[in-house]
Amino acid sequence: MTTRTRLPGSPSIILITGLMAAGKSTVAQALTERFPRSVHLRGDVFRRMIVSGRAEMGFELSDEAERQLRLRYRIAAAAAHLYLHAGFTVVHQDIILGPSLAEVVQHYAPRPLHVVVLCPDPAVVAAREAGRAKRGYQDTSAVLDFDRVLRTETPRLGLWLDTSGLTAAETVDQILARLSDARVDGGSTG
């Protein structure tokens, strides 16, 4: 059963990030559904729009993959701004790890932003990955590589949630209850 939490009084942008199989899509959709006027902005859709010349994403990125990833982040932020201006709360969900998180926060300046980092235990991520139809990791060691980047190279911005033992609904309840902890000013990254 979901807890009734007071929603923010005005539209806002909530950025949800974390590893592949951390539950971003499920949590973002469930969170978006709690708002009366809302948009679930899936950052990966902008990658999939590239029909010809799309670079492969992985742990090691080529120069072209890095350029396309940065473009995807800029396009998503621009779309989020437009939806926000039209009166929607935007839940932008994407994989944004390492120093890129601070760069993406800058795309939202000067508007305030809420950043939520889902960081379940790597064993939980590996188990979730095993239960999914799509594959994001080649093996368990890849999960550990990405987890290391998350925990040691990603700036501690916003609200970090260990969702290892939480359902999607419980995670959404936590996000809404602690939304003030997730607030990051778009122009400030530290």
N, C-alpha and C. Protein backbone atom coordinates (compact mmCIF):
# COMPACT_ATOMS: atom_id res chain seq x y z
N MET A 1 0.85 -1.18 0.00
CA MET A 1 0.00 0.00 0.00
C MET A 1 0.89 1.24 0.00
N THR A 2 0.59 2.21 -0.82
CA THR A 2 1.41 3.40 -0.91
C THR A 2 0.97 4.43 0.11
N THR A 3 1.93 5.13 0.66
CA THR A 3 1.68 6.19 1.61
C THR A 3 1.29 7.45 0.86
N ARG A 4 0.33 8.20 1.36
CA ARG A 4 -0.06 9.46 0.74
C ARG A 4 0.92 10.52 1.23
N THR A 5 1.69 11.03 0.34
CA THR A 5 2.69 12.04 0.65
C THR A 5 2.29 13.33 -0.03
N ARG A 6 2.54 14.43 0.63
CA ARG A 6 2.23 15.74 0.06
C ARG A 6 3.15 15.98 -1.14
N LEU A 7 2.54 16.28 -2.28
CA LEU A 7 3.30 16.55 -3.50
C LEU A 7 3.74 18.00 -3.51
N PRO A 8 4.84 18.29 -4.23
CA PRO A 8 5.27 19.69 -4.34
C PRO A 8 4.14 20.55 -4.91
N GLY A 9 4.06 21.80 -4.44
CA GLY A 9 2.99 22.69 -4.85
C GLY A 9 3.09 23.16 -6.29
N SER A 10 4.26 23.20 -6.85
CA SER A 10 4.41 23.67 -8.22
C SER A 10 5.20 22.63 -9.02
N PRO A 11 5.07 22.67 -10.34
CA PRO A 11 5.79 21.70 -11.17
C PRO A 11 7.30 21.77 -10.91
N SER A 12 7.95 20.65 -11.04
CA SER A 12 9.38 20.59 -10.81
C SER A 12 10.00 19.55 -11.74
N ILE A 13 11.33 19.49 -11.70
CA ILE A 13 12.05 18.48 -12.47
C ILE A 13 12.76 17.56 -11.48
N ILE A 14 12.56 16.27 -11.67
CA ILE A 14 13.20 15.26 -10.84
C ILE A 14 14.02 14.38 -11.77
N LEU A 15 15.32 14.35 -11.55
CA LEU A 15 16.24 13.54 -12.34
C LEU A 15 16.55 12.27 -11.56
N ILE A 16 16.26 11.12 -12.16
CA ILE A 16 16.54 9.83 -11.53
C ILE A 16 17.64 9.15 -12.32
N THR A 17 18.70 8.79 -11.63
CA THR A 17 19.80 8.09 -12.28
C THR A 17 20.24 6.90 -11.43
N GLY A 18 21.14 6.13 -11.97
CA GLY A 18 21.66 4.94 -11.31
C GLY A 18 22.13 3.97 -12.38
N LEU A 19 22.56 2.81 -11.95
CA LEU A 19 23.05 1.80 -12.88
C LEU A 19 21.92 1.20 -13.70
N MET A 20 22.29 0.53 -14.78
CA MET A 20 21.32 -0.30 -15.50
C MET A 20 20.81 -1.35 -14.52
N ALA A 21 19.52 -1.64 -14.56
CA ALA A 21 18.87 -2.63 -13.69
C ALA A 21 18.77 -2.17 -12.24
N ALA A 22 18.94 -0.87 -12.00
CA ALA A 22 18.78 -0.34 -10.64
C ALA A 22 17.31 -0.07 -10.34
N GLY A 23 16.46 -0.11 -11.36
CA GLY A 23 15.04 0.14 -11.17
C GLY A 23 14.59 1.52 -11.60
N LYS A 24 15.43 2.23 -12.35
CA LYS A 24 15.12 3.61 -12.77
C LYS A 24 13.81 3.73 -13.53
N SER A 25 13.61 2.90 -14.54
CA SER A 25 12.41 3.00 -15.37
C SER A 25 11.15 2.74 -14.56
N THR A 26 11.17 1.70 -13.77
CA THR A 26 10.01 1.33 -12.97
C THR A 26 9.69 2.40 -11.94
N VAL A 27 10.72 2.86 -11.24
CA VAL A 27 10.53 3.89 -10.21
C VAL A 27 10.09 5.20 -10.85
N ALA A 28 10.74 5.59 -11.94
CA ALA A 28 10.37 6.85 -12.60
C ALA A 28 8.92 6.82 -13.06
N GLN A 29 8.47 5.71 -13.63
CA GLN A 29 7.08 5.61 -14.08
C GLN A 29 6.14 5.71 -12.89
N ALA A 30 6.43 4.98 -11.83
CA ALA A 30 5.56 5.00 -10.64
C ALA A 30 5.54 6.39 -10.00
N LEU A 31 6.68 7.05 -9.98
CA LEU A 31 6.74 8.41 -9.42
C LEU A 31 5.95 9.38 -10.29
N THR A 32 6.12 9.28 -11.59
CA THR A 32 5.41 10.17 -12.52
C THR A 32 3.90 10.03 -12.35
N GLU A 33 3.44 8.83 -12.12
CA GLU A 33 2.01 8.58 -11.97
C GLU A 33 1.42 9.21 -10.72
N ARG A 34 2.24 9.62 -9.78
CA ARG A 34 1.75 10.25 -8.55
C ARG A 34 1.39 11.72 -8.73
N PHE A 35 1.84 12.33 -9.81
CA PHE A 35 1.60 13.75 -10.04
C PHE A 35 0.41 13.95 -10.98
N PRO A 36 -0.39 15.01 -10.76
CA PRO A 36 -1.56 15.22 -11.60
C PRO A 36 -1.23 15.62 -13.04
N ARG A 37 -0.14 16.35 -13.27
CA ARG A 37 0.31 16.73 -14.62
C ARG A 37 1.79 16.39 -14.67
N SER A 38 2.13 15.34 -15.39
CA SER A 38 3.51 14.88 -15.32
C SER A 38 3.96 14.21 -16.61
N VAL A 39 5.27 14.17 -16.78
CA VAL A 39 5.91 13.59 -17.95
C VAL A 39 7.02 12.66 -17.47
N HIS A 40 7.06 11.46 -18.01
CA HIS A 40 8.19 10.55 -17.78
C HIS A 40 9.10 10.68 -18.99
N LEU A 41 10.20 11.37 -18.80
CA LEU A 41 11.16 11.63 -19.87
C LEU A 41 12.27 10.59 -19.80
N ARG A 42 12.27 9.69 -20.77
CA ARG A 42 13.26 8.60 -20.81
C ARG A 42 14.42 9.05 -21.70
N GLY A 43 15.55 9.35 -21.09
CA GLY A 43 16.69 9.88 -21.82
C GLY A 43 17.16 8.99 -22.96
N ASP A 44 17.05 7.70 -22.79
CA ASP A 44 17.55 6.77 -23.81
C ASP A 44 16.77 6.88 -25.12
N VAL A 45 15.57 7.43 -25.08
CA VAL A 45 14.79 7.56 -26.31
C VAL A 45 15.54 8.42 -27.33
N PHE A 46 16.31 9.38 -26.86
CA PHE A 46 17.04 10.25 -27.78
C PHE A 46 18.19 9.50 -28.46
N ARG A 47 18.78 8.54 -27.77
CA ARG A 47 19.79 7.68 -28.40
C ARG A 47 19.16 6.82 -29.48
N ARG A 48 18.00 6.26 -29.16
CA ARG A 48 17.33 5.36 -30.10
C ARG A 48 16.81 6.09 -31.34
N MET A 49 16.67 7.40 -31.26
CA MET A 49 16.21 8.17 -32.43
C MET A 49 17.27 8.25 -33.52
N ILE A 50 18.52 8.03 -33.16
CA ILE A 50 19.59 8.06 -34.16
C ILE A 50 19.48 6.79 -34.99
N VAL A 51 19.16 6.95 -36.26
CA VAL A 51 18.93 5.82 -37.15
C VAL A 51 20.23 5.35 -37.78
N SER A 52 21.05 6.28 -38.18
CA SER A 52 22.28 5.94 -38.87
C SER A 52 23.44 6.65 -38.18
N GLY A 53 24.48 5.90 -37.84
CA GLY A 53 25.64 6.49 -37.19
C GLY A 53 25.59 6.46 -35.67
N ARG A 54 24.65 5.70 -35.11
CA ARG A 54 24.55 5.61 -33.65
C ARG A 54 25.75 4.85 -33.08
N ALA A 55 26.42 5.45 -32.12
CA ALA A 55 27.58 4.82 -31.47
C ALA A 55 27.10 3.88 -30.37
N GLU A 56 27.84 2.83 -30.16
CA GLU A 56 27.52 1.87 -29.10
C GLU A 56 27.90 2.45 -27.74
N MET A 57 27.04 2.22 -26.77
CA MET A 57 27.30 2.65 -25.40
C MET A 57 27.81 1.44 -24.62
N GLY A 58 28.73 1.68 -23.73
CA GLY A 58 29.27 0.63 -22.89
C GLY A 58 30.13 1.25 -21.82
N PHE A 59 30.93 0.42 -21.17
CA PHE A 59 31.77 0.93 -20.08
C PHE A 59 32.84 1.87 -20.62
N GLU A 60 33.48 1.48 -21.69
CA GLU A 60 34.46 2.34 -22.36
C GLU A 60 33.76 2.98 -23.55
N LEU A 61 33.78 4.31 -23.60
CA LEU A 61 33.09 5.02 -24.68
C LEU A 61 34.08 5.55 -25.70
N SER A 62 33.73 5.39 -26.97
CA SER A 62 34.52 6.01 -28.03
C SER A 62 34.27 7.52 -27.97
N ASP A 63 35.08 8.29 -28.67
CA ASP A 63 34.87 9.74 -28.72
C ASP A 63 33.48 10.05 -29.25
N GLU A 64 33.07 9.33 -30.30
CA GLU A 64 31.74 9.57 -30.88
C GLU A 64 30.63 9.19 -29.90
N ALA A 65 30.79 8.10 -29.18
CA ALA A 65 29.79 7.70 -28.18
C ALA A 65 29.69 8.77 -27.09
N GLU A 66 30.82 9.31 -26.69
CA GLU A 66 30.83 10.37 -25.67
C GLU A 66 30.09 11.61 -26.19
N ARG A 67 30.33 11.99 -27.44
CA ARG A 67 29.62 13.14 -28.04
C ARG A 67 28.12 12.89 -28.09
N GLN A 68 27.74 11.69 -28.51
CA GLN A 68 26.31 11.38 -28.60
C GLN A 68 25.65 11.34 -27.21
N LEU A 69 26.37 10.86 -26.23
CA LEU A 69 25.84 10.81 -24.87
C LEU A 69 25.62 12.23 -24.34
N ARG A 70 26.59 13.10 -24.54
CA ARG A 70 26.43 14.49 -24.11
C ARG A 70 25.28 15.17 -24.85
N LEU A 71 25.12 14.89 -26.14
CA LEU A 71 24.01 15.43 -26.92
C LEU A 71 22.68 14.95 -26.33
N ARG A 72 22.59 13.68 -26.03
CA ARG A 72 21.38 13.09 -25.44
C ARG A 72 21.02 13.80 -24.14
N TYR A 73 22.02 14.08 -23.30
CA TYR A 73 21.75 14.76 -22.04
C TYR A 73 21.24 16.18 -22.28
N ARG A 74 21.83 16.89 -23.24
CA ARG A 74 21.41 18.27 -23.53
C ARG A 74 19.99 18.31 -24.10
N ILE A 75 19.69 17.37 -25.00
CA ILE A 75 18.35 17.32 -25.59
C ILE A 75 17.31 17.01 -24.51
N ALA A 76 17.60 16.07 -23.64
CA ALA A 76 16.66 15.71 -22.58
C ALA A 76 16.41 16.89 -21.65
N ALA A 77 17.46 17.62 -21.29
CA ALA A 77 17.29 18.79 -20.42
C ALA A 77 16.44 19.86 -21.11
N ALA A 78 16.67 20.06 -22.42
CA ALA A 78 15.87 21.04 -23.17
C ALA A 78 14.40 20.63 -23.20
N ALA A 79 14.15 19.36 -23.43
CA ALA A 79 12.76 18.86 -23.44
C ALA A 79 12.13 19.02 -22.05
N ALA A 80 12.90 18.73 -21.01
CA ALA A 80 12.39 18.87 -19.64
C ALA A 80 12.02 20.33 -19.36
N HIS A 81 12.86 21.26 -19.79
CA HIS A 81 12.56 22.69 -19.61
C HIS A 81 11.25 23.06 -20.29
N LEU A 82 11.04 22.58 -21.51
CA LEU A 82 9.82 22.91 -22.25
C LEU A 82 8.58 22.34 -21.56
N TYR A 83 8.64 21.10 -21.10
CA TYR A 83 7.52 20.52 -20.38
C TYR A 83 7.25 21.26 -19.07
N LEU A 84 8.32 21.60 -18.35
CA LEU A 84 8.17 22.34 -17.09
C LEU A 84 7.49 23.68 -17.35
N HIS A 85 7.95 24.39 -18.37
CA HIS A 85 7.36 25.68 -18.73
C HIS A 85 5.88 25.55 -19.06
N ALA A 86 5.47 24.40 -19.57
CA ALA A 86 4.07 24.16 -19.91
C ALA A 86 3.26 23.67 -18.69
N GLY A 87 3.90 23.61 -17.52
CA GLY A 87 3.19 23.26 -16.30
C GLY A 87 3.21 21.81 -15.88
N PHE A 88 4.12 21.04 -16.44
CA PHE A 88 4.24 19.62 -16.08
C PHE A 88 5.39 19.40 -15.11
N THR A 89 5.20 18.47 -14.18
CA THR A 89 6.33 17.95 -13.42
C THR A 89 7.00 16.93 -14.32
N VAL A 90 8.31 17.02 -14.41
CA VAL A 90 9.07 16.14 -15.30
C VAL A 90 9.93 15.20 -14.47
N VAL A 91 9.80 13.92 -14.73
CA VAL A 91 10.69 12.92 -14.14
C VAL A 91 11.59 12.44 -15.28
N HIS A 92 12.82 12.92 -15.27
CA HIS A 92 13.82 12.59 -16.31
C HIS A 92 14.65 11.44 -15.77
N GLN A 93 14.63 10.34 -16.49
CA GLN A 93 15.32 9.13 -16.06
C GLN A 93 16.37 8.76 -17.09
N ASP A 94 17.60 8.55 -16.62
CA ASP A 94 18.69 8.18 -17.52
C ASP A 94 19.84 7.64 -16.69
N ILE A 95 20.81 7.05 -17.36
CA ILE A 95 22.04 6.60 -16.71
C ILE A 95 23.03 7.76 -16.83
N ILE A 96 23.33 8.38 -15.70
CA ILE A 96 24.25 9.51 -15.68
C ILE A 96 25.22 9.25 -14.53
N LEU A 97 26.42 8.82 -14.87
CA LEU A 97 27.40 8.41 -13.87
C LEU A 97 28.67 9.25 -13.97
N GLY A 98 29.47 9.21 -12.91
CA GLY A 98 30.75 9.90 -12.92
C GLY A 98 30.56 11.41 -12.99
N PRO A 99 31.58 12.10 -13.48
CA PRO A 99 31.52 13.56 -13.57
C PRO A 99 30.38 14.08 -14.44
N SER A 100 29.82 13.23 -15.28
CA SER A 100 28.71 13.65 -16.14
C SER A 100 27.52 14.15 -15.33
N LEU A 101 27.33 13.65 -14.11
CA LEU A 101 26.18 14.08 -13.32
C LEU A 101 26.26 15.58 -13.04
N ALA A 102 27.42 16.07 -12.67
CA ALA A 102 27.57 17.51 -12.41
C ALA A 102 27.35 18.30 -13.70
N GLU A 103 27.81 17.79 -14.82
CA GLU A 103 27.61 18.46 -16.11
C GLU A 103 26.13 18.54 -16.46
N VAL A 104 25.40 17.45 -16.24
CA VAL A 104 23.97 17.43 -16.55
C VAL A 104 23.23 18.40 -15.64
N VAL A 105 23.59 18.47 -14.37
CA VAL A 105 22.94 19.42 -13.46
C VAL A 105 23.09 20.83 -14.00
N GLN A 106 24.23 21.14 -14.59
CA GLN A 106 24.45 22.47 -15.18
C GLN A 106 23.46 22.77 -16.31
N HIS A 107 23.03 21.75 -17.04
CA HIS A 107 22.05 21.95 -18.12
C HIS A 107 20.72 22.48 -17.60
N TYR A 108 20.46 22.27 -16.33
CA TYR A 108 19.19 22.69 -15.74
C TYR A 108 19.25 24.10 -15.14
N ALA A 109 20.43 24.70 -15.10
CA ALA A 109 20.57 26.04 -14.53
C ALA A 109 19.73 27.02 -15.34
N PRO A 110 19.12 27.99 -14.73
CA PRO A 110 19.14 28.32 -13.31
C PRO A 110 17.99 27.69 -12.53
N ARG A 111 17.25 26.78 -13.16
CA ARG A 111 16.10 26.20 -12.49
C ARG A 111 16.54 25.19 -11.42
N PRO A 112 15.80 25.17 -10.30
CA PRO A 112 16.09 24.14 -9.29
C PRO A 112 15.74 22.75 -9.83
N LEU A 113 16.40 21.80 -9.30
CA LEU A 113 16.31 20.43 -9.78
C LEU A 113 16.36 19.51 -8.57
N HIS A 114 15.70 18.37 -8.69
CA HIS A 114 15.81 17.31 -7.67
C HIS A 114 16.55 16.15 -8.32
N VAL A 115 17.62 15.69 -7.69
CA VAL A 115 18.41 14.58 -8.20
C VAL A 115 18.25 13.40 -7.25
N VAL A 116 17.87 12.25 -7.82
CA VAL A 116 17.74 11.02 -7.04
C VAL A 116 18.63 9.97 -7.69
N VAL A 117 19.54 9.42 -6.89
CA VAL A 117 20.45 8.38 -7.37
C VAL A 117 20.04 7.07 -6.72
N LEU A 118 19.60 6.13 -7.54
CA LEU A 118 19.24 4.81 -7.04
C LEU A 118 20.52 3.98 -6.98
N CYS A 119 20.86 3.50 -5.81
CA CYS A 119 22.13 2.76 -5.68
C CYS A 119 21.96 1.49 -4.86
N PRO A 120 21.22 0.52 -5.42
CA PRO A 120 21.13 -0.77 -4.74
C PRO A 120 22.48 -1.48 -4.76
N ASP A 121 22.63 -2.44 -3.89
CA ASP A 121 23.83 -3.26 -3.82
C ASP A 121 24.09 -3.91 -5.18
N PRO A 122 25.37 -4.02 -5.60
CA PRO A 122 25.66 -4.63 -6.91
C PRO A 122 25.11 -6.05 -7.06
N ALA A 123 25.04 -6.81 -5.97
CA ALA A 123 24.48 -8.17 -6.05
C ALA A 123 22.99 -8.10 -6.42
N VAL A 124 22.29 -7.09 -5.91
CA VAL A 124 20.88 -6.90 -6.23
C VAL A 124 20.74 -6.50 -7.71
N VAL A 125 21.62 -5.61 -8.16
CA VAL A 125 21.61 -5.20 -9.57
C VAL A 125 21.83 -6.42 -10.46
N ALA A 126 22.81 -7.25 -10.11
CA ALA A 126 23.10 -8.45 -10.92
C ALA A 126 21.90 -9.40 -10.94
N ALA A 127 21.23 -9.56 -9.81
CA ALA A 127 20.05 -10.43 -9.76
C ALA A 127 18.91 -9.85 -10.60
N ARG A 128 18.72 -8.53 -10.54
CA ARG A 128 17.68 -7.90 -11.36
C ARG A 128 18.01 -8.04 -12.84
N GLU A 129 19.28 -7.86 -13.17
CA GLU A 129 19.72 -8.00 -14.56
C GLU A 129 19.43 -9.41 -15.07
N ALA A 130 19.68 -10.41 -14.23
CA ALA A 130 19.45 -11.80 -14.63
C ALA A 130 17.97 -12.06 -14.90
N GLY A 131 17.09 -11.31 -14.24
CA GLY A 131 15.66 -11.51 -14.41
C GLY A 131 15.04 -10.68 -15.52
N ARG A 132 15.85 -9.88 -16.22
CA ARG A 132 15.32 -9.02 -17.28
C ARG A 132 15.49 -9.67 -18.65
N ALA A 133 14.62 -9.32 -19.56
CA ALA A 133 14.74 -9.82 -20.94
C ALA A 133 15.89 -9.13 -21.67
N LYS A 134 16.07 -7.83 -21.42
CA LYS A 134 17.16 -7.11 -22.09
C LYS A 134 18.43 -7.24 -21.26
N ARG A 135 19.56 -7.12 -21.92
CA ARG A 135 20.85 -7.25 -21.26
C ARG A 135 21.63 -5.95 -21.36
N GLY A 136 22.10 -5.46 -20.23
CA GLY A 136 22.90 -4.25 -20.20
C GLY A 136 24.36 -4.54 -19.85
N TYR A 137 24.60 -5.68 -19.25
CA TYR A 137 25.95 -6.04 -18.79
C TYR A 137 26.39 -7.34 -19.47
N GLN A 138 27.70 -7.42 -19.75
CA GLN A 138 28.22 -8.67 -20.32
C GLN A 138 28.31 -9.75 -19.26
N ASP A 139 28.65 -9.36 -18.03
CA ASP A 139 28.78 -10.32 -16.95
C ASP A 139 28.76 -9.58 -15.61
N THR A 140 28.88 -10.34 -14.52
CA THR A 140 28.81 -9.75 -13.18
C THR A 140 29.96 -8.77 -12.93
N SER A 141 31.12 -9.02 -13.51
CA SER A 141 32.24 -8.09 -13.29
C SER A 141 31.93 -6.72 -13.89
N ALA A 142 31.14 -6.68 -14.95
CA ALA A 142 30.74 -5.39 -15.54
C ALA A 142 29.84 -4.62 -14.58
N VAL A 143 28.97 -5.33 -13.86
CA VAL A 143 28.14 -4.68 -12.85
C VAL A 143 29.04 -4.02 -11.81
N LEU A 144 30.08 -4.73 -11.39
CA LEU A 144 30.99 -4.19 -10.38
C LEU A 144 31.77 -2.98 -10.91
N ASP A 145 32.14 -3.01 -12.19
CA ASP A 145 32.85 -1.88 -12.80
C ASP A 145 31.96 -0.63 -12.79
N PHE A 146 30.72 -0.78 -13.23
CA PHE A 146 29.81 0.36 -13.25
C PHE A 146 29.50 0.84 -11.83
N ASP A 147 29.34 -0.10 -10.90
CA ASP A 147 29.06 0.25 -9.51
C ASP A 147 30.23 1.06 -8.91
N ARG A 148 31.45 0.69 -9.26
CA ARG A 148 32.62 1.44 -8.76
C ARG A 148 32.57 2.88 -9.25
N VAL A 149 32.22 3.08 -10.52
CA VAL A 149 32.11 4.44 -11.06
C VAL A 149 31.02 5.20 -10.32
N LEU A 150 29.89 4.55 -10.10
CA LEU A 150 28.80 5.19 -9.38
C LEU A 150 29.25 5.65 -8.00
N ARG A 151 29.85 4.74 -7.24
CA ARG A 151 30.15 5.03 -5.84
C ARG A 151 31.42 5.85 -5.61
N THR A 152 32.36 5.80 -6.54
CA THR A 152 33.63 6.51 -6.29
C THR A 152 33.88 7.71 -7.20
N GLU A 153 33.19 7.78 -8.35
CA GLU A 153 33.46 8.87 -9.28
C GLU A 153 32.28 9.80 -9.51
N THR A 154 31.12 9.42 -9.04
CA THR A 154 29.92 10.24 -9.23
C THR A 154 29.79 11.21 -8.06
N PRO A 155 29.65 12.51 -8.34
CA PRO A 155 29.53 13.46 -7.24
C PRO A 155 28.28 13.18 -6.40
N ARG A 156 28.39 13.42 -5.11
CA ARG A 156 27.30 13.17 -4.16
C ARG A 156 26.29 14.30 -4.19
N LEU A 157 25.56 14.37 -5.27
CA LEU A 157 24.53 15.39 -5.44
C LEU A 157 23.17 14.78 -5.17
N GLY A 158 22.30 15.52 -4.51
CA GLY A 158 20.93 15.08 -4.31
C GLY A 158 20.77 13.98 -3.30
N LEU A 159 19.76 13.17 -3.53
CA LEU A 159 19.37 12.09 -2.62
C LEU A 159 19.85 10.75 -3.17
N TRP A 160 20.66 10.07 -2.40
CA TRP A 160 21.15 8.74 -2.78
C TRP A 160 20.36 7.71 -1.97
N LEU A 161 19.73 6.78 -2.68
CA LEU A 161 18.89 5.78 -2.01
C LEU A 161 19.38 4.37 -2.31
N ASP A 162 19.68 3.64 -1.24
CA ASP A 162 19.96 2.21 -1.39
C ASP A 162 18.60 1.53 -1.45
N THR A 163 18.23 1.09 -2.63
CA THR A 163 16.90 0.52 -2.84
C THR A 163 16.92 -1.01 -2.83
N SER A 164 18.00 -1.57 -2.29
CA SER A 164 18.16 -3.04 -2.31
C SER A 164 16.95 -3.77 -1.75
N GLY A 165 16.40 -3.28 -0.66
CA GLY A 165 15.29 -3.97 -0.03
C GLY A 165 13.95 -3.28 -0.20
N LEU A 166 13.87 -2.34 -1.13
CA LEU A 166 12.63 -1.57 -1.32
C LEU A 166 11.90 -1.98 -2.60
N THR A 167 10.59 -1.97 -2.54
CA THR A 167 9.80 -2.14 -3.76
C THR A 167 9.79 -0.80 -4.50
N ALA A 168 9.28 -0.79 -5.71
CA ALA A 168 9.18 0.46 -6.46
C ALA A 168 8.29 1.45 -5.71
N ALA A 169 7.16 1.00 -5.18
CA ALA A 169 6.25 1.89 -4.45
C ALA A 169 6.92 2.45 -3.20
N GLU A 170 7.66 1.62 -2.49
CA GLU A 170 8.36 2.10 -1.30
C GLU A 170 9.45 3.10 -1.66
N THR A 171 10.11 2.87 -2.80
CA THR A 171 11.13 3.81 -3.28
C THR A 171 10.49 5.14 -3.60
N VAL A 172 9.35 5.13 -4.28
CA VAL A 172 8.64 6.37 -4.60
C VAL A 172 8.23 7.09 -3.32
N ASP A 173 7.73 6.35 -2.34
CA ASP A 173 7.37 6.96 -1.06
C ASP A 173 8.58 7.64 -0.42
N GLN A 174 9.73 6.98 -0.47
CA GLN A 174 10.96 7.57 0.08
C GLN A 174 11.35 8.85 -0.66
N ILE A 175 11.27 8.80 -1.98
CA ILE A 175 11.62 9.98 -2.79
C ILE A 175 10.71 11.15 -2.42
N LEU A 176 9.42 10.92 -2.37
CA LEU A 176 8.49 12.00 -2.08
C LEU A 176 8.66 12.52 -0.65
N ALA A 177 8.90 11.61 0.29
CA ALA A 177 9.09 12.03 1.68
C ALA A 177 10.39 12.83 1.87
N ARG A 178 11.37 12.56 1.03
CA ARG A 178 12.69 13.20 1.19
C ARG A 178 13.04 14.09 0.01
N LEU A 179 12.04 14.58 -0.70
CA LEU A 179 12.28 15.37 -1.90
C LEU A 179 13.15 16.61 -1.61
N SER A 180 12.99 17.20 -0.45
CA SER A 180 13.82 18.38 -0.13
C SER A 180 15.30 17.99 -0.05
N ASP A 181 15.60 16.76 0.34
CA ASP A 181 16.99 16.29 0.39
C ASP A 181 17.56 16.11 -1.01
N ALA A 182 16.68 15.95 -2.00
CA ALA A 182 17.12 15.72 -3.38
C ALA A 182 17.37 17.01 -4.15
N ARG A 183 17.01 18.14 -3.56
CA ARG A 183 17.09 19.42 -4.30
C ARG A 183 18.53 19.83 -4.52
N VAL A 184 18.81 20.18 -5.77
CA VAL A 184 20.12 20.66 -6.19
C VAL A 184 19.84 21.88 -7.05
N ASP A 185 20.47 23.00 -6.76
CA ASP A 185 20.29 24.16 -7.61
C ASP A 185 21.07 23.93 -8.89
N GLY A 186 20.44 24.19 -10.04
CA GLY A 186 21.02 23.93 -11.34
C GLY A 186 22.38 24.56 -11.53
N GLY A 187 22.64 25.69 -10.90
CA GLY A 187 23.93 26.35 -11.07
C GLY A 187 24.97 25.92 -10.07
N SER A 188 24.59 25.09 -9.10
CA SER A 188 25.51 24.71 -8.02
C SER A 188 25.71 23.21 -8.03
N THR A 189 26.93 22.76 -8.12
CA THR A 189 27.22 21.32 -8.14
C THR A 189 28.12 20.90 -7.00
N GLY A 190 28.17 21.60 -5.97
CA GLY A 190 29.00 21.13 -4.89
C GLY A 190 28.81 21.92 -3.72
